[in-house]
Amino acid sequence: MQRPKTPDGEIAWEILKSCERQLRVGFGSVYGIDFTAVLAFAGAMGAAVPLLLELLPEIERVIVWAWQRDNDG
């Protein structure tokens, strides 16, 4: 795993780890991240919300793919 290289990246990573269970689930499958919950948490922590807004769509795609991969069968 590659480590964040900036202070904002470190904060974003910590926020994402803290919100790992903020998922949107329907019919027994994860289909997204609850952006509202993650951004509210980030705002409460004083995090760089613009960086999270840039990262969340990419991270969401990876989380959904990994969940589906691990739970298909």
N, C-alpha and C. Protein backbone atom coordinates (compact mmCIF):
# COMPACT_ATOMS: atom_id res chain seq x y z
N MET A 1 0.85 -1.19 0.00
CA MET A 1 0.00 0.00 0.00
C MET A 1 0.88 1.24 0.00
N GLN A 2 0.48 2.21 -0.78
CA GLN A 2 1.22 3.46 -0.83
C GLN A 2 0.71 4.39 0.25
N ARG A 3 1.63 5.02 0.98
CA ARG A 3 1.26 5.94 2.06
C ARG A 3 0.96 7.32 1.49
N PRO A 4 0.04 8.06 2.14
CA PRO A 4 -0.20 9.44 1.72
C PRO A 4 1.09 10.25 1.83
N LYS A 5 1.24 11.23 0.94
CA LYS A 5 2.48 12.00 0.87
C LYS A 5 2.36 13.42 1.38
N THR A 6 1.16 13.84 1.74
CA THR A 6 0.96 15.20 2.22
C THR A 6 0.17 15.17 3.52
N PRO A 7 0.23 16.25 4.30
CA PRO A 7 -0.59 16.30 5.51
C PRO A 7 -2.08 16.15 5.21
N ASP A 8 -2.57 16.77 4.13
CA ASP A 8 -3.98 16.62 3.76
C ASP A 8 -4.29 15.17 3.39
N GLY A 9 -3.35 14.52 2.73
CA GLY A 9 -3.53 13.11 2.39
C GLY A 9 -3.62 12.23 3.63
N GLU A 10 -2.79 12.52 4.63
CA GLU A 10 -2.82 11.77 5.90
C GLU A 10 -4.18 11.95 6.58
N ILE A 11 -4.67 13.19 6.61
CA ILE A 11 -5.97 13.45 7.24
C ILE A 11 -7.07 12.73 6.47
N ALA A 12 -7.04 12.81 5.15
CA ALA A 12 -8.05 12.14 4.33
C ALA A 12 -8.04 10.64 4.60
N TRP A 13 -6.86 10.05 4.69
CA TRP A 13 -6.74 8.61 4.94
C TRP A 13 -7.34 8.25 6.30
N GLU A 14 -7.05 9.05 7.32
CA GLU A 14 -7.60 8.79 8.65
C GLU A 14 -9.12 8.90 8.67
N ILE A 15 -9.65 9.88 7.97
CA ILE A 15 -11.10 10.04 7.87
C ILE A 15 -11.70 8.81 7.20
N LEU A 16 -11.12 8.38 6.10
CA LEU A 16 -11.65 7.23 5.37
C LEU A 16 -11.59 5.96 6.22
N LYS A 17 -10.51 5.77 6.97
CA LYS A 17 -10.42 4.60 7.84
C LYS A 17 -11.49 4.67 8.94
N SER A 18 -11.73 5.85 9.46
CA SER A 18 -12.74 6.02 10.52
C SER A 18 -14.15 5.78 10.01
N CYS A 19 -14.37 5.99 8.73
CA CYS A 19 -15.71 5.87 8.15
C CYS A 19 -15.86 4.59 7.33
N GLU A 20 -15.07 3.59 7.60
CA GLU A 20 -15.08 2.40 6.76
C GLU A 20 -16.43 1.69 6.71
N ARG A 21 -17.29 1.93 7.65
CA ARG A 21 -18.60 1.26 7.66
C ARG A 21 -19.73 2.16 7.15
N GLN A 22 -19.39 3.32 6.62
CA GLN A 22 -20.40 4.24 6.09
C GLN A 22 -20.70 3.89 4.64
N LEU A 23 -21.41 2.79 4.47
CA LEU A 23 -21.70 2.27 3.14
C LEU A 23 -23.19 2.34 2.85
N ARG A 24 -23.51 2.38 1.59
CA ARG A 24 -24.90 2.28 1.14
C ARG A 24 -25.12 0.84 0.70
N VAL A 25 -26.14 0.22 1.30
CA VAL A 25 -26.39 -1.20 1.07
C VAL A 25 -27.85 -1.37 0.69
N GLY A 26 -28.09 -2.22 -0.29
CA GLY A 26 -29.44 -2.55 -0.70
C GLY A 26 -29.50 -3.96 -1.25
N PHE A 27 -30.53 -4.68 -0.87
CA PHE A 27 -30.71 -6.06 -1.33
C PHE A 27 -29.48 -6.92 -1.07
N GLY A 28 -28.83 -6.69 0.10
CA GLY A 28 -27.70 -7.50 0.51
C GLY A 28 -26.39 -7.20 -0.19
N SER A 29 -26.30 -6.07 -0.86
CA SER A 29 -25.07 -5.74 -1.59
C SER A 29 -24.69 -4.28 -1.37
N VAL A 30 -23.41 -4.03 -1.24
CA VAL A 30 -22.90 -2.66 -1.14
C VAL A 30 -22.94 -2.04 -2.53
N TYR A 31 -23.49 -0.83 -2.63
CA TYR A 31 -23.51 -0.16 -3.93
C TYR A 31 -22.88 1.22 -3.89
N GLY A 32 -22.37 1.65 -2.72
CA GLY A 32 -21.73 2.95 -2.65
C GLY A 32 -21.30 3.32 -1.24
N ILE A 33 -20.68 4.48 -1.16
CA ILE A 33 -20.27 5.07 0.11
C ILE A 33 -21.30 6.14 0.46
N ASP A 34 -21.61 6.28 1.74
CA ASP A 34 -22.49 7.34 2.19
C ASP A 34 -21.69 8.64 2.26
N PHE A 35 -21.61 9.34 1.13
CA PHE A 35 -20.81 10.57 1.05
C PHE A 35 -21.22 11.59 2.10
N THR A 36 -22.52 11.70 2.35
CA THR A 36 -23.00 12.69 3.33
C THR A 36 -22.40 12.42 4.70
N ALA A 37 -22.41 11.17 5.13
CA ALA A 37 -21.86 10.82 6.44
C ALA A 37 -20.36 11.05 6.49
N VAL A 38 -19.65 10.65 5.45
CA VAL A 38 -18.19 10.81 5.42
C VAL A 38 -17.83 12.30 5.43
N LEU A 39 -18.50 13.10 4.63
CA LEU A 39 -18.19 14.52 4.57
C LEU A 39 -18.58 15.25 5.85
N ALA A 40 -19.66 14.82 6.49
CA ALA A 40 -20.04 15.41 7.78
C ALA A 40 -18.98 15.10 8.83
N PHE A 41 -18.50 13.87 8.86
CA PHE A 41 -17.45 13.48 9.78
C PHE A 41 -16.18 14.28 9.51
N ALA A 42 -15.82 14.40 8.23
CA ALA A 42 -14.63 15.16 7.86
C ALA A 42 -14.75 16.62 8.30
N GLY A 43 -15.92 17.21 8.07
CA GLY A 43 -16.13 18.59 8.50
C GLY A 43 -16.00 18.75 10.00
N ALA A 44 -16.53 17.80 10.75
CA ALA A 44 -16.43 17.85 12.21
C ALA A 44 -14.99 17.72 12.67
N MET A 45 -14.17 17.02 11.88
CA MET A 45 -12.76 16.83 12.23
C MET A 45 -11.88 17.95 11.68
N GLY A 46 -12.46 18.87 10.93
CA GLY A 46 -11.69 19.97 10.34
C GLY A 46 -10.81 19.51 9.20
N ALA A 47 -11.23 18.44 8.51
CA ALA A 47 -10.42 17.87 7.43
C ALA A 47 -10.59 18.65 6.13
N ALA A 48 -9.71 18.36 5.19
CA ALA A 48 -9.72 19.00 3.88
C ALA A 48 -10.82 18.40 3.03
N VAL A 49 -12.01 18.95 3.12
CA VAL A 49 -13.16 18.42 2.39
C VAL A 49 -12.93 18.43 0.88
N PRO A 50 -12.30 19.45 0.28
CA PRO A 50 -12.08 19.40 -1.17
C PRO A 50 -11.27 18.17 -1.61
N LEU A 51 -10.27 17.79 -0.83
CA LEU A 51 -9.50 16.59 -1.17
C LEU A 51 -10.38 15.35 -1.09
N LEU A 52 -11.20 15.25 -0.08
CA LEU A 52 -12.10 14.10 0.04
C LEU A 52 -13.09 14.05 -1.11
N LEU A 53 -13.59 15.21 -1.51
CA LEU A 53 -14.52 15.24 -2.65
C LEU A 53 -13.87 14.71 -3.91
N GLU A 54 -12.58 14.95 -4.06
CA GLU A 54 -11.86 14.46 -5.22
C GLU A 54 -11.61 12.95 -5.11
N LEU A 55 -11.33 12.46 -3.91
CA LEU A 55 -10.98 11.06 -3.71
C LEU A 55 -12.17 10.11 -3.62
N LEU A 56 -13.27 10.56 -3.04
CA LEU A 56 -14.38 9.65 -2.75
C LEU A 56 -14.90 8.86 -3.95
N PRO A 57 -15.11 9.46 -5.11
CA PRO A 57 -15.62 8.64 -6.23
C PRO A 57 -14.68 7.50 -6.61
N GLU A 58 -13.37 7.75 -6.59
CA GLU A 58 -12.41 6.70 -6.91
C GLU A 58 -12.39 5.62 -5.84
N ILE A 59 -12.42 6.04 -4.59
CA ILE A 59 -12.40 5.09 -3.49
C ILE A 59 -13.69 4.28 -3.46
N GLU A 60 -14.80 4.93 -3.75
CA GLU A 60 -16.09 4.24 -3.78
C GLU A 60 -16.06 3.09 -4.79
N ARG A 61 -15.53 3.34 -5.95
CA ARG A 61 -15.46 2.30 -6.98
C ARG A 61 -14.65 1.09 -6.50
N VAL A 62 -13.54 1.33 -5.82
CA VAL A 62 -12.70 0.25 -5.32
C VAL A 62 -13.39 -0.52 -4.20
N ILE A 63 -14.04 0.19 -3.29
CA ILE A 63 -14.73 -0.46 -2.17
C ILE A 63 -15.87 -1.34 -2.69
N VAL A 64 -16.68 -0.82 -3.59
CA VAL A 64 -17.80 -1.60 -4.14
C VAL A 64 -17.27 -2.83 -4.88
N TRP A 65 -16.25 -2.66 -5.69
CA TRP A 65 -15.67 -3.78 -6.43
C TRP A 65 -15.14 -4.85 -5.46
N ALA A 66 -14.40 -4.42 -4.43
CA ALA A 66 -13.82 -5.37 -3.48
C ALA A 66 -14.91 -6.10 -2.69
N TRP A 67 -15.93 -5.37 -2.28
CA TRP A 67 -17.01 -6.02 -1.52
C TRP A 67 -17.70 -7.06 -2.38
N GLN A 68 -18.00 -6.70 -3.62
CA GLN A 68 -18.68 -7.64 -4.51
C GLN A 68 -17.80 -8.84 -4.83
N ARG A 69 -16.54 -8.61 -5.03
CA ARG A 69 -15.60 -9.70 -5.30
C ARG A 69 -15.54 -10.67 -4.13
N ASP A 70 -15.47 -10.13 -2.92
CA ASP A 70 -15.33 -10.97 -1.72
C ASP A 70 -16.64 -11.64 -1.31
N ASN A 71 -17.77 -11.15 -1.78
CA ASN A 71 -19.05 -11.69 -1.34
C ASN A 71 -19.84 -12.38 -2.43
N ASP A 72 -19.30 -12.49 -3.62
CA ASP A 72 -19.97 -13.26 -4.67
C ASP A 72 -19.72 -14.74 -4.42
N GLY A 73 -20.70 -15.52 -4.69
CA GLY A 73 -20.44 -16.92 -4.55
C GLY A 73 -21.56 -17.62 -3.99
